[in-house]
Amino acid sequence: MTTAISRLSGKSDLARKILSLSSSDLSHEKIVVEVVLHIQKATDIEAVGLRIADDLDYPYYFTNGFGEDFVRKEMHLCARDNANEIIRDSSGNPTLECMCGNIIYGRADCSKPFFTQGGSFWSNCTTDLLASTSDEDRLTRTRNRCNGEGYESVALMPIKTEKKIFGLLQLNDRRKNMFTLEDICFFEGIAGMIGILFAAIKAKENLAAKTDDVIRLANVRLLALEKIGDQLKEKKDIPAYNFILTKLNGLLDEIESMTGTLPICATCKKIRDTTQHWQQIEGYVMNRTKANFTHTICPDCYDKWRKEEGF
């Protein structure tokens, strides 16, 4: 038995729909939800979920098809002691329970048939899996709530940017044999796209926070200049007053240019300006501020380059 997504036409249709969503005017948050719903519709999977990092835990960001009681019980992954304190491992990291914790922490032994080289977990019959393997085989003590709810087909794909995993895509169904390995590899690609979208959301949030900081400082300067301008006007020092007025107008233009949102490519980081042209972020900033850029290479990128070049 194969799912609709296992046929080439089904994958092509789903890929086209997802690509069209990624280039739409919808918010990144809405696109992520729509992508997951398209996956559910194309595969006829009973339940879907997204877990995304939030502080120390990885709660559900979005679910559809799971019962309220299941979502409530499975919302959080952090193990807690009798005092409701988070249990940590020997390195000080929170202990994440069940198979979801394996995938998020990158604990996937691809020599075992239920893990993939891409770091995913999948099973077409969780009852048989639990009966034929131990916690040691599964690399964790499982809660078994998915199987307890009757879900036989379960797939968990990591959501990551570069090598950092910050969530997972979950597909559950009470029917057996809903997946093929080819399906899981395709879903891993979709999870990668979701990772890019969330990276764009984070970049947007960071930009908004920095913009707010700059605007607050600019407003302080604005009030100070207005006060100085009023004093100069009272003294009838017209040249100095006109100079302050010019500064005020420039500052107002600067504040206006920093408000709103900047469309930035989630991959190459180019920015689309008001003329609908895409340009490098360095050029965009230099054209609007007094900042200059000098290029170097960070330690992480340097190490990555050395590995790629074989040094």
C-alpha atoms as a PDB file:
ATOM      1  CA  MET A   1       0.000   0.000   0.000  1.00  0.00           C
ATOM      2  CA  THR A   2       1.271   3.469  -0.868  1.00  0.00           C
ATOM      3  CA  THR A   3      -0.088   6.896  -0.119  1.00  0.00           C
ATOM      4  CA  ALA A   4      -1.121   9.493  -2.661  1.00  0.00           C
ATOM      5  CA  ILE A   5       2.136  11.312  -2.042  1.00  0.00           C
ATOM      6  CA  SER A   6       4.135   8.250  -3.114  1.00  0.00           C
ATOM      7  CA  ARG A   7       3.072   8.783  -6.716  1.00  0.00           C
ATOM      8  CA  LEU A   8       5.211  11.233  -8.679  1.00  0.00           C
ATOM      9  CA  SER A   9       2.221  13.321  -9.762  1.00  0.00           C
ATOM     10  CA  GLY A  10       1.121  13.745  -6.140  1.00  0.00           C
ATOM     11  CA  LYS A  11       4.557  14.971  -5.107  1.00  0.00           C
ATOM     12  CA  SER A  12       4.784  17.317  -8.066  1.00  0.00           C
ATOM     13  CA  ASP A  13       1.379  18.840  -7.319  1.00  0.00           C
ATOM     14  CA  LEU A  14       2.213  19.303  -3.648  1.00  0.00           C
ATOM     15  CA  ALA A  15       5.619  20.809  -4.459  1.00  0.00           C
ATOM     16  CA  ARG A  16       4.027  23.295  -6.863  1.00  0.00           C
ATOM     17  CA  LYS A  17       1.434  24.344  -4.292  1.00  0.00           C
ATOM     18  CA  ILE A  18       4.089  24.822  -1.629  1.00  0.00           C
ATOM     19  CA  LEU A  19       6.306  26.826  -3.987  1.00  0.00           C
ATOM     20  CA  SER A  20       3.371  29.057  -4.900  1.00  0.00           C
ATOM     21  CA  LEU A  21       2.672  29.622  -1.201  1.00  0.00           C
ATOM     22  CA  SER A  22       6.282  30.559  -0.491  1.00  0.00           C
ATOM     23  CA  SER A  23       6.097  33.342  -3.079  1.00  0.00           C
ATOM     24  CA  SER A  24       2.690  34.630  -1.966  1.00  0.00           C
ATOM     25  CA  ASP A  25       1.934  37.789   0.000  1.00  0.00           C
ATOM     26  CA  LEU A  26       0.814  35.809   3.060  1.00  0.00           C
ATOM     27  CA  SER A  27       2.727  36.213   6.317  1.00  0.00           C
ATOM     28  CA  HIS A  28       5.405  33.602   6.966  1.00  0.00           C
ATOM     29  CA  GLU A  29       3.370  32.314   9.920  1.00  0.00           C
ATOM     30  CA  LYS A  30       0.327  31.787   7.672  1.00  0.00           C
ATOM     31  CA  ILE A  31       2.453  30.152   4.970  1.00  0.00           C
ATOM     32  CA  VAL A  32       3.823  27.620   7.479  1.00  0.00           C
ATOM     33  CA  VAL A  33       0.307  26.630   8.553  1.00  0.00           C
ATOM     34  CA  GLU A  34      -0.881  26.406   4.940  1.00  0.00           C
ATOM     35  CA  VAL A  35       2.113  24.226   4.004  1.00  0.00           C
ATOM     36  CA  VAL A  36       1.281  21.739   6.772  1.00  0.00           C
ATOM     37  CA  LEU A  37      -2.402  21.686   5.816  1.00  0.00           C
ATOM     38  CA  HIS A  38      -1.477  21.051   2.174  1.00  0.00           C
ATOM     39  CA  ILE A  39       0.666  18.106   3.290  1.00  0.00           C
ATOM     40  CA  GLN A  40      -2.230  16.706   5.299  1.00  0.00           C
ATOM     41  CA  LYS A  41      -4.664  17.063   2.399  1.00  0.00           C
ATOM     42  CA  ALA A  42      -2.285  15.615  -0.205  1.00  0.00           C
ATOM     43  CA  THR A  43      -1.408  12.575   1.912  1.00  0.00           C
ATOM     44  CA  ASP A  44      -4.794  12.009   3.561  1.00  0.00           C
ATOM     45  CA  ILE A  45      -2.893  11.785   6.855  1.00  0.00           C
ATOM     46  CA  GLU A  46      -5.167  11.848   9.887  1.00  0.00           C
ATOM     47  CA  ALA A  47      -3.181  14.235  12.098  1.00  0.00           C
ATOM     48  CA  VAL A  48      -0.307  16.686  11.645  1.00  0.00           C
ATOM     49  CA  GLY A  49       1.704  18.777  14.072  1.00  0.00           C
ATOM     50  CA  LEU A  50       4.603  21.204  14.255  1.00  0.00           C
ATOM     51  CA  ARG A  51       6.875  21.514  17.280  1.00  0.00           C
ATOM     52  CA  ILE A  52       9.007  24.653  17.448  1.00  0.00           C
ATOM     53  CA  ALA A  53      11.579  25.695  20.060  1.00  0.00           C
ATOM     54  CA  ASP A  54      10.252  28.013  22.765  1.00  0.00           C
ATOM     55  CA  ASP A  55      12.802  28.786  25.461  1.00  0.00           C
ATOM     56  CA  LEU A  56      13.901  25.365  26.800  1.00  0.00           C
ATOM     57  CA  ASP A  57      10.961  23.331  25.514  1.00  0.00           C
ATOM     58  CA  TYR A  58       9.502  22.381  22.130  1.00  0.00           C
ATOM     59  CA  PRO A  59       5.718  22.740  22.402  1.00  0.00           C
ATOM     60  CA  TYR A  60       3.274  22.333  19.550  1.00  0.00           C
ATOM     61  CA  TYR A  61       3.224  25.432  17.361  1.00  0.00           C
ATOM     62  CA  PHE A  62       0.336  24.078  15.261  1.00  0.00           C
ATOM     63  CA  THR A  63      -1.714  20.883  15.141  1.00  0.00           C
ATOM     64  CA  ASN A  64      -4.651  19.606  13.112  1.00  0.00           C
ATOM     65  CA  GLY A  65      -6.438  16.292  13.587  1.00  0.00           C
ATOM     66  CA  PHE A  66      -5.156  15.461  17.073  1.00  0.00           C
ATOM     67  CA  GLY A  67      -7.653  15.368  19.936  1.00  0.00           C
ATOM     68  CA  GLU A  68      -7.531  18.109  22.566  1.00  0.00           C
ATOM     69  CA  ASP A  69      -6.570  15.642  25.297  1.00  0.00           C
ATOM     70  CA  PHE A  70      -3.666  14.283  23.230  1.00  0.00           C
ATOM     71  CA  VAL A  71      -2.348  17.780  22.491  1.00  0.00           C
ATOM     72  CA  ARG A  72      -2.663  18.788  26.144  1.00  0.00           C
ATOM     73  CA  LYS A  73      -0.755  15.730  27.392  1.00  0.00           C
ATOM     74  CA  GLU A  74       1.872  15.867  24.650  1.00  0.00           C
ATOM     75  CA  MET A  75       2.273  19.654  24.461  1.00  0.00           C
ATOM     76  CA  HIS A  76       5.648  19.694  26.234  1.00  0.00           C
ATOM     77  CA  LEU A  77       8.693  17.451  25.868  1.00  0.00           C
ATOM     78  CA  CYS A  78      10.835  18.474  28.862  1.00  0.00           C
ATOM     79  CA  ALA A  79      10.979  15.825  31.562  1.00  0.00           C
ATOM     80  CA  ARG A  80      10.191  17.176  35.046  1.00  0.00           C
ATOM     81  CA  ASP A  81      10.760  15.906  38.577  1.00  0.00           C
ATOM     82  CA  ASN A  82       8.285  15.723  41.467  1.00  0.00           C
ATOM     83  CA  ALA A  83       8.890  19.422  42.195  1.00  0.00           C
ATOM     84  CA  ASN A  84       8.008  20.237  38.555  1.00  0.00           C
ATOM     85  CA  GLU A  85      11.592  21.286  37.886  1.00  0.00           C
ATOM     86  CA  ILE A  86      13.104  20.515  34.491  1.00  0.00           C
ATOM     87  CA  ILE A  87      15.376  17.470  34.587  1.00  0.00           C
ATOM     88  CA  ARG A  88      18.740  18.080  32.928  1.00  0.00           C
ATOM     89  CA  ASP A  89      21.410  15.747  31.599  1.00  0.00           C
ATOM     90  CA  SER A  90      25.074  15.697  32.607  1.00  0.00           C
ATOM     91  CA  SER A  91      25.779  18.596  30.206  1.00  0.00           C
ATOM     92  CA  GLY A  92      23.037  20.738  31.703  1.00  0.00           C
ATOM     93  CA  ASN A  93      20.675  20.375  28.744  1.00  0.00           C
ATOM     94  CA  PRO A  94      16.967  19.734  29.372  1.00  0.00           C
ATOM     95  CA  THR A  95      15.972  16.095  29.045  1.00  0.00           C
ATOM     96  CA  LEU A  96      13.527  15.812  26.153  1.00  0.00           C
ATOM     97  CA  GLU A  97      11.311  12.776  26.373  1.00  0.00           C
ATOM     98  CA  CYS A  98      10.143  10.205  23.858  1.00  0.00           C
ATOM     99  CA  MET A  99      11.061   9.837  20.185  1.00  0.00           C
ATOM    100  CA  CYS A 100      10.428  13.533  19.549  1.00  0.00           C
ATOM    101  CA  GLY A 101      13.318  14.280  21.898  1.00  0.00           C
ATOM    102  CA  ASN A 102      15.540  11.939  19.867  1.00  0.00           C
ATOM    103  CA  ILE A 103      14.809  13.765  16.629  1.00  0.00           C
ATOM    104  CA  ILE A 104      15.225  17.266  18.086  1.00  0.00           C
ATOM    105  CA  TYR A 105      18.536  16.353  19.731  1.00  0.00           C
ATOM    106  CA  GLY A 106      19.740  14.626  16.562  1.00  0.00           C
ATOM    107  CA  ARG A 107      19.858  11.164  18.128  1.00  0.00           C
ATOM    108  CA  ALA A 108      19.072   9.082  15.051  1.00  0.00           C
ATOM    109  CA  ASP A 109      20.978   5.876  14.396  1.00  0.00           C
ATOM    110  CA  CYS A 110      20.513   5.378  10.649  1.00  0.00           C
ATOM    111  CA  SER A 111      21.708   1.757  10.968  1.00  0.00           C
ATOM    112  CA  LYS A 112      18.275   1.056  12.438  1.00  0.00           C
ATOM    113  CA  PRO A 113      15.385   0.743   9.932  1.00  0.00           C
ATOM    114  CA  PHE A 114      13.147   3.233  11.745  1.00  0.00           C
ATOM    115  CA  PHE A 115      15.676   6.099  11.453  1.00  0.00           C
ATOM    116  CA  THR A 116      16.844   7.787   8.241  1.00  0.00           C
ATOM    117  CA  GLN A 117      20.123   9.399   7.227  1.00  0.00           C
ATOM    118  CA  GLY A 118      18.275  12.722   7.310  1.00  0.00           C
ATOM    119  CA  GLY A 119      17.626  12.286  11.037  1.00  0.00           C
ATOM    120  CA  SER A 120      13.946  11.302  10.846  1.00  0.00           C
ATOM    121  CA  PHE A 121      11.950   8.590  12.584  1.00  0.00           C
ATOM    122  CA  TRP A 122       9.177   6.588  10.926  1.00  0.00           C
ATOM    123  CA  SER A 123       7.087   3.523  11.581  1.00  0.00           C
ATOM    124  CA  ASN A 124       4.203   1.920   9.720  1.00  0.00           C
ATOM    125  CA  CYS A 125       3.199  -0.125  12.768  1.00  0.00           C
ATOM    126  CA  THR A 126       4.113   1.258  16.177  1.00  0.00           C
ATOM    127  CA  THR A 127       2.607  -1.811  17.880  1.00  0.00           C
ATOM    128  CA  ASP A 128       5.111  -4.103  16.167  1.00  0.00           C
ATOM    129  CA  LEU A 129       7.939  -1.633  16.758  1.00  0.00           C
ATOM    130  CA  LEU A 130       7.294  -1.473  20.501  1.00  0.00           C
ATOM    131  CA  ALA A 131       6.986  -5.268  20.709  1.00  0.00           C
ATOM    132  CA  SER A 132      10.206  -5.958  18.792  1.00  0.00           C
ATOM    133  CA  THR A 133      12.525  -3.252  20.193  1.00  0.00           C
ATOM    134  CA  SER A 134      13.705  -2.029  23.577  1.00  0.00           C
ATOM    135  CA  ASP A 135      14.223   1.468  24.951  1.00  0.00           C
ATOM    136  CA  GLU A 136      17.928   0.926  24.260  1.00  0.00           C
ATOM    137  CA  ASP A 137      17.168   0.121  20.612  1.00  0.00           C
ATOM    138  CA  ARG A 138      14.978   3.211  20.324  1.00  0.00           C
ATOM    139  CA  LEU A 139      17.631   5.350  22.101  1.00  0.00           C
ATOM    140  CA  THR A 140      15.078   6.682  24.600  1.00  0.00           C
ATOM    141  CA  ARG A 141      12.341   5.762  27.026  1.00  0.00           C
ATOM    142  CA  THR A 142       9.184   6.320  25.004  1.00  0.00           C
ATOM    143  CA  ARG A 143       5.945   7.573  26.484  1.00  0.00           C
ATOM    144  CA  ASN A 144       4.017   5.352  24.026  1.00  0.00           C
ATOM    145  CA  ARG A 145       1.159   7.832  23.948  1.00  0.00           C
ATOM    146  CA  CYS A 146       0.975   7.826  20.147  1.00  0.00           C
ATOM    147  CA  ASN A 147       0.532   4.056  20.138  1.00  0.00           C
ATOM    148  CA  GLY A 148      -1.814   4.289  23.132  1.00  0.00           C
ATOM    149  CA  GLU A 149      -4.028   6.606  21.078  1.00  0.00           C
ATOM    150  CA  GLY A 150      -4.068   4.028  18.278  1.00  0.00           C
ATOM    151  CA  TYR A 151      -1.626   5.723  15.923  1.00  0.00           C
ATOM    152  CA  GLU A 152       0.180   2.985  13.998  1.00  0.00           C
ATOM    153  CA  SER A 153       1.825   5.087  11.274  1.00  0.00           C
ATOM    154  CA  VAL A 154       4.017   7.823  12.768  1.00  0.00           C
ATOM    155  CA  ALA A 155       6.675   9.995  11.120  1.00  0.00           C
ATOM    156  CA  LEU A 156       8.854  12.680  12.710  1.00  0.00           C
ATOM    157  CA  MET A 157      11.056  14.909  10.516  1.00  0.00           C
ATOM    158  CA  PRO A 158      13.526  17.456  11.963  1.00  0.00           C
ATOM    159  CA  ILE A 159      13.048  21.142  11.127  1.00  0.00           C
ATOM    160  CA  LYS A 160      16.416  22.825  10.878  1.00  0.00           C
ATOM    161  CA  THR A 161      18.499  25.550   9.311  1.00  0.00           C
ATOM    162  CA  GLU A 162      22.022  24.520   8.382  1.00  0.00           C
ATOM    163  CA  LYS A 163      22.787  22.027  11.164  1.00  0.00           C
ATOM    164  CA  LYS A 164      20.667  23.470  13.962  1.00  0.00           C
ATOM    165  CA  ILE A 165      17.460  21.570  14.728  1.00  0.00           C
ATOM    166  CA  PHE A 166      14.772  23.765  16.270  1.00  0.00           C
ATOM    167  CA  GLY A 167      11.613  21.711  15.816  1.00  0.00           C
ATOM    168  CA  LEU A 168       9.963  18.855  13.974  1.00  0.00           C
ATOM    169  CA  LEU A 169       7.142  17.985  11.590  1.00  0.00           C
ATOM    170  CA  GLN A 170       4.898  15.176  12.847  1.00  0.00           C
ATOM    171  CA  LEU A 171       2.501  12.985  10.823  1.00  0.00           C
ATOM    172  CA  ASN A 172       0.256  10.448  12.584  1.00  0.00           C
ATOM    173  CA  ASP A 173      -2.389   7.998  11.344  1.00  0.00           C
ATOM    174  CA  ARG A 174      -4.269   5.101  12.911  1.00  0.00           C
ATOM    175  CA  ARG A 175      -3.968   3.148   9.653  1.00  0.00           C
ATOM    176  CA  LYS A 176      -0.898   1.006   9.065  1.00  0.00           C
ATOM    177  CA  ASN A 177       1.579   1.311   6.192  1.00  0.00           C
ATOM    178  CA  MET A 178       0.937   4.951   5.360  1.00  0.00           C
ATOM    179  CA  PHE A 179       4.564   5.782   4.477  1.00  0.00           C
ATOM    180  CA  THR A 180       7.395   4.714   2.246  1.00  0.00           C
ATOM    181  CA  LEU A 181      11.046   5.690   2.697  1.00  0.00           C
ATOM    182  CA  GLU A 182      10.665   7.823  -0.430  1.00  0.00           C
ATOM    183  CA  ASP A 183       7.803   9.681   1.279  1.00  0.00           C
ATOM    184  CA  ILE A 184       9.909  10.386   4.355  1.00  0.00           C
ATOM    185  CA  CYS A 185      12.771  11.770   2.251  1.00  0.00           C
ATOM    186  CA  PHE A 186      10.286  14.058   0.488  1.00  0.00           C
ATOM    187  CA  PHE A 187       8.872  15.225   3.830  1.00  0.00           C
ATOM    188  CA  GLU A 188      12.420  15.958   5.025  1.00  0.00           C
ATOM    189  CA  GLY A 189      12.717  18.394   2.121  1.00  0.00           C
ATOM    190  CA  ILE A 190       9.418  20.024   3.094  1.00  0.00           C
ATOM    191  CA  ALA A 191      10.638  20.293   6.700  1.00  0.00           C
ATOM    192  CA  GLY A 192      13.730  22.051   5.373  1.00  0.00           C
ATOM    193  CA  MET A 193      11.519  24.571   3.591  1.00  0.00           C
ATOM    194  CA  ILE A 194       9.591  25.151   6.817  1.00  0.00           C
ATOM    195  CA  GLY A 195      12.937  25.763   8.512  1.00  0.00           C
ATOM    196  CA  ILE A 196      13.747  28.492   5.974  1.00  0.00           C
ATOM    197  CA  LEU A 197      10.362  30.115   6.592  1.00  0.00           C
ATOM    198  CA  PHE A 198      10.904  30.132  10.354  1.00  0.00           C
ATOM    199  CA  ALA A 199      14.385  31.581   9.847  1.00  0.00           C
ATOM    200  CA  ALA A 200      12.736  34.413   7.916  1.00  0.00           C
ATOM    201  CA  ILE A 201      10.213  34.906  10.733  1.00  0.00           C
ATOM    202  CA  LYS A 202      13.060  35.130  13.257  1.00  0.00           C
ATOM    203  CA  ALA A 203      15.002  37.559  11.068  1.00  0.00           C
ATOM    204  CA  LYS A 204      11.901  39.718  10.769  1.00  0.00           C
ATOM    205  CA  GLU A 205      11.418  39.702  14.554  1.00  0.00           C
ATOM    206  CA  ASN A 206      15.068  40.617  15.154  1.00  0.00           C
ATOM    207  CA  LEU A 207      14.901  43.426  12.602  1.00  0.00           C
ATOM    208  CA  ALA A 208      11.708  44.776  14.179  1.00  0.00           C
ATOM    209  CA  ALA A 209      13.306  44.726  17.636  1.00  0.00           C
ATOM    210  CA  LYS A 210      16.415  46.564  16.417  1.00  0.00           C
ATOM    211  CA  THR A 211      14.273  49.073  14.531  1.00  0.00           C
ATOM    212  CA  ASP A 212      12.244  49.787  17.675  1.00  0.00           C
ATOM    213  CA  ASP A 213      15.463  50.443  19.611  1.00  0.00           C
ATOM    214  CA  VAL A 214      16.754  52.867  16.972  1.00  0.00           C
ATOM    215  CA  ILE A 215      13.409  54.654  16.711  1.00  0.00           C
ATOM    216  CA  ARG A 216      13.281  55.168  20.481  1.00  0.00           C
ATOM    217  CA  LEU A 217      16.750  56.715  20.423  1.00  0.00           C
ATOM    218  CA  ALA A 218      15.794  58.831  17.397  1.00  0.00           C
ATOM    219  CA  ASN A 219      12.711  60.107  19.207  1.00  0.00           C
ATOM    220  CA  VAL A 220      14.887  61.218  22.130  1.00  0.00           C
ATOM    221  CA  ARG A 221      17.070  63.161  19.679  1.00  0.00           C
ATOM    222  CA  LEU A 222      13.954  64.556  18.047  1.00  0.00           C
ATOM    223  CA  LEU A 223      12.590  65.957  21.299  1.00  0.00           C
ATOM    224  CA  ALA A 224      15.972  67.432  22.195  1.00  0.00           C
ATOM    225  CA  LEU A 225      16.298  69.159  18.817  1.00  0.00           C
ATOM    226  CA  GLU A 226      12.749  70.515  19.045  1.00  0.00           C
ATOM    227  CA  LYS A 227      13.544  72.021  22.437  1.00  0.00           C
ATOM    228  CA  ILE A 228      16.756  73.610  21.138  1.00  0.00           C
ATOM    229  CA  GLY A 229      14.874  74.908  18.075  1.00  0.00           C
ATOM    230  CA  ASP A 230      12.228  76.578  20.242  1.00  0.00           C
ATOM    231  CA  GLN A 231      14.944  78.297  22.303  1.00  0.00           C
ATOM    232  CA  LEU A 232      16.725  79.550  19.167  1.00  0.00           C
ATOM    233  CA  LYS A 233      13.464  80.810  17.712  1.00  0.00           C
ATOM    234  CA  GLU A 234      12.781  82.806  20.871  1.00  0.00           C
ATOM    235  CA  LYS A 235      16.268  84.337  20.584  1.00  0.00           C
ATOM    236  CA  LYS A 236      15.566  85.055  16.874  1.00  0.00           C
ATOM    237  CA  ASP A 237      18.729  83.246  15.838  1.00  0.00           C
ATOM    238  CA  ILE A 238      17.285  82.386  12.415  1.00  0.00           C
ATOM    239  CA  PRO A 239      20.394  80.719  10.823  1.00  0.00           C
ATOM    240  CA  ALA A 240      20.838  78.422  13.790  1.00  0.00           C
ATOM    241  CA  TYR A 241      17.091  77.748  13.887  1.00  0.00           C
ATOM    242  CA  ASN A 242      17.075  76.812  10.171  1.00  0.00           C
ATOM    243  CA  PHE A 243      20.021  74.485  10.770  1.00  0.00           C
ATOM    244  CA  ILE A 244      18.125  72.726  13.556  1.00  0.00           C
ATOM    245  CA  LEU A 245      15.037  72.546  11.339  1.00  0.00           C
ATOM    246  CA  THR A 246      17.081  70.812   8.622  1.00  0.00           C
ATOM    247  CA  LYS A 247      18.378  68.332  11.177  1.00  0.00           C
ATOM    248  CA  LEU A 248      14.824  67.689  12.364  1.00  0.00           C
ATOM    249  CA  ASN A 249      13.565  67.016   8.865  1.00  0.00           C
ATOM    250  CA  GLY A 250      16.464  64.627   8.229  1.00  0.00           C
ATOM    251  CA  LEU A 251      15.763  62.797  11.460  1.00  0.00           C
ATOM    252  CA  LEU A 252      12.070  62.471  10.610  1.00  0.00           C
ATOM    253  CA  ASP A 253      12.995  61.008   7.221  1.00  0.00           C
ATOM    254  CA  GLU A 254      15.345  58.584   8.968  1.00  0.00           C
ATOM    255  CA  ILE A 255      12.613  57.444  11.371  1.00  0.00           C
ATOM    256  CA  GLU A 256      10.140  57.012   8.534  1.00  0.00           C
ATOM    257  CA  SER A 257      12.602  54.877   6.558  1.00  0.00           C
ATOM    258  CA  MET A 258      12.990  52.537   9.528  1.00  0.00           C
ATOM    259  CA  THR A 259       9.295  51.911  10.112  1.00  0.00           C
ATOM    260  CA  GLY A 260       7.324  49.140   8.460  1.00  0.00           C
ATOM    261  CA  THR A 261       8.802  45.860   7.276  1.00  0.00           C
ATOM    262  CA  LEU A 262      11.685  45.020   4.956  1.00  0.00           C
ATOM    263  CA  PRO A 263      11.188  42.153   2.498  1.00  0.00           C
ATOM    264  CA  ILE A 264      14.365  40.087   2.851  1.00  0.00           C
ATOM    265  CA  CYS A 265      15.171  36.882   0.998  1.00  0.00           C
ATOM    266  CA  ALA A 266      15.358  33.992   3.473  1.00  0.00           C
ATOM    267  CA  THR A 267      18.185  32.408   1.469  1.00  0.00           C
ATOM    268  CA  CYS A 268      20.541  35.028  -0.004  1.00  0.00           C
ATOM    269  CA  LYS A 269      19.511  37.892   2.378  1.00  0.00           C
ATOM    270  CA  LYS A 270      18.971  40.439  -0.421  1.00  0.00           C
ATOM    271  CA  ILE A 271      16.462  43.210   0.386  1.00  0.00           C
ATOM    272  CA  ARG A 272      13.683  44.404  -1.931  1.00  0.00           C
ATOM    273  CA  ASP A 273      13.541  48.205  -1.977  1.00  0.00           C
ATOM    274  CA  THR A 274      10.614  50.526  -2.751  1.00  0.00           C
ATOM    275  CA  THR A 275      11.398  50.318  -6.487  1.00  0.00           C
ATOM    276  CA  GLN A 276      10.933  46.517  -6.307  1.00  0.00           C
ATOM    277  CA  HIS A 277      14.626  45.881  -7.005  1.00  0.00           C
ATOM    278  CA  TRP A 278      16.632  43.384  -4.969  1.00  0.00           C
ATOM    279  CA  GLN A 279      19.989  44.479  -3.613  1.00  0.00           C
ATOM    280  CA  GLN A 280      22.572  43.214  -1.156  1.00  0.00           C
ATOM    281  CA  ILE A 281      21.860  44.177   2.442  1.00  0.00           C
ATOM    282  CA  GLU A 282      25.227  45.984   2.679  1.00  0.00           C
ATOM    283  CA  GLY A 283      24.285  48.331  -0.157  1.00  0.00           C
ATOM    284  CA  TYR A 284      20.827  48.914   1.251  1.00  0.00           C
ATOM    285  CA  VAL A 285      22.178  49.926   4.660  1.00  0.00           C
ATOM    286  CA  MET A 286      25.046  52.045   3.276  1.00  0.00           C
ATOM    287  CA  ASN A 287      22.653  54.014   1.060  1.00  0.00           C
ATOM    288  CA  ARG A 288      20.494  54.929   4.054  1.00  0.00           C
ATOM    289  CA  THR A 289      22.977  55.339   6.885  1.00  0.00           C
ATOM    290  CA  LYS A 290      26.563  56.441   7.501  1.00  0.00           C
ATOM    291  CA  ALA A 291      27.634  52.871   8.189  1.00  0.00           C
ATOM    292  CA  ASN A 292      30.358  51.171   6.161  1.00  0.00           C
ATOM    293  CA  PHE A 293      30.973  47.431   5.884  1.00  0.00           C
ATOM    294  CA  THR A 294      34.181  45.463   6.000  1.00  0.00           C
ATOM    295  CA  HIS A 295      33.957  41.777   5.217  1.00  0.00           C
ATOM    296  CA  THR A 296      35.540  39.058   7.283  1.00  0.00           C
ATOM    297  CA  ILE A 297      34.625  35.458   8.142  1.00  0.00           C
ATOM    298  CA  CYS A 298      33.161  34.240  11.418  1.00  0.00           C
ATOM    299  CA  PRO A 299      34.689  31.213  13.232  1.00  0.00           C
ATOM    300  CA  ASP A 300      31.756  28.904  12.363  1.00  0.00           C
ATOM    301  CA  CYS A 301      31.928  29.721   8.641  1.00  0.00           C
ATOM    302  CA  TYR A 302      35.728  29.403   8.719  1.00  0.00           C
ATOM    303  CA  ASP A 303      35.496  25.912  10.221  1.00  0.00           C
ATOM    304  CA  LYS A 304      32.820  24.946   7.700  1.00  0.00           C
ATOM    305  CA  TRP A 305      34.976  26.215   4.816  1.00  0.00           C
ATOM    306  CA  ARG A 306      38.003  24.260   6.053  1.00  0.00           C
ATOM    307  CA  LYS A 307      35.977  21.044   6.230  1.00  0.00           C
ATOM    308  CA  GLU A 308      34.512  21.570   2.753  1.00  0.00           C
ATOM    309  CA  GLU A 309      37.958  22.268   1.290  1.00  0.00           C
ATOM    310  CA  GLY A 310      39.543  19.345   3.120  1.00  0.00           C
ATOM    311  CA  PHE A 311      41.997  21.343   5.249  1.00  0.00           C
END
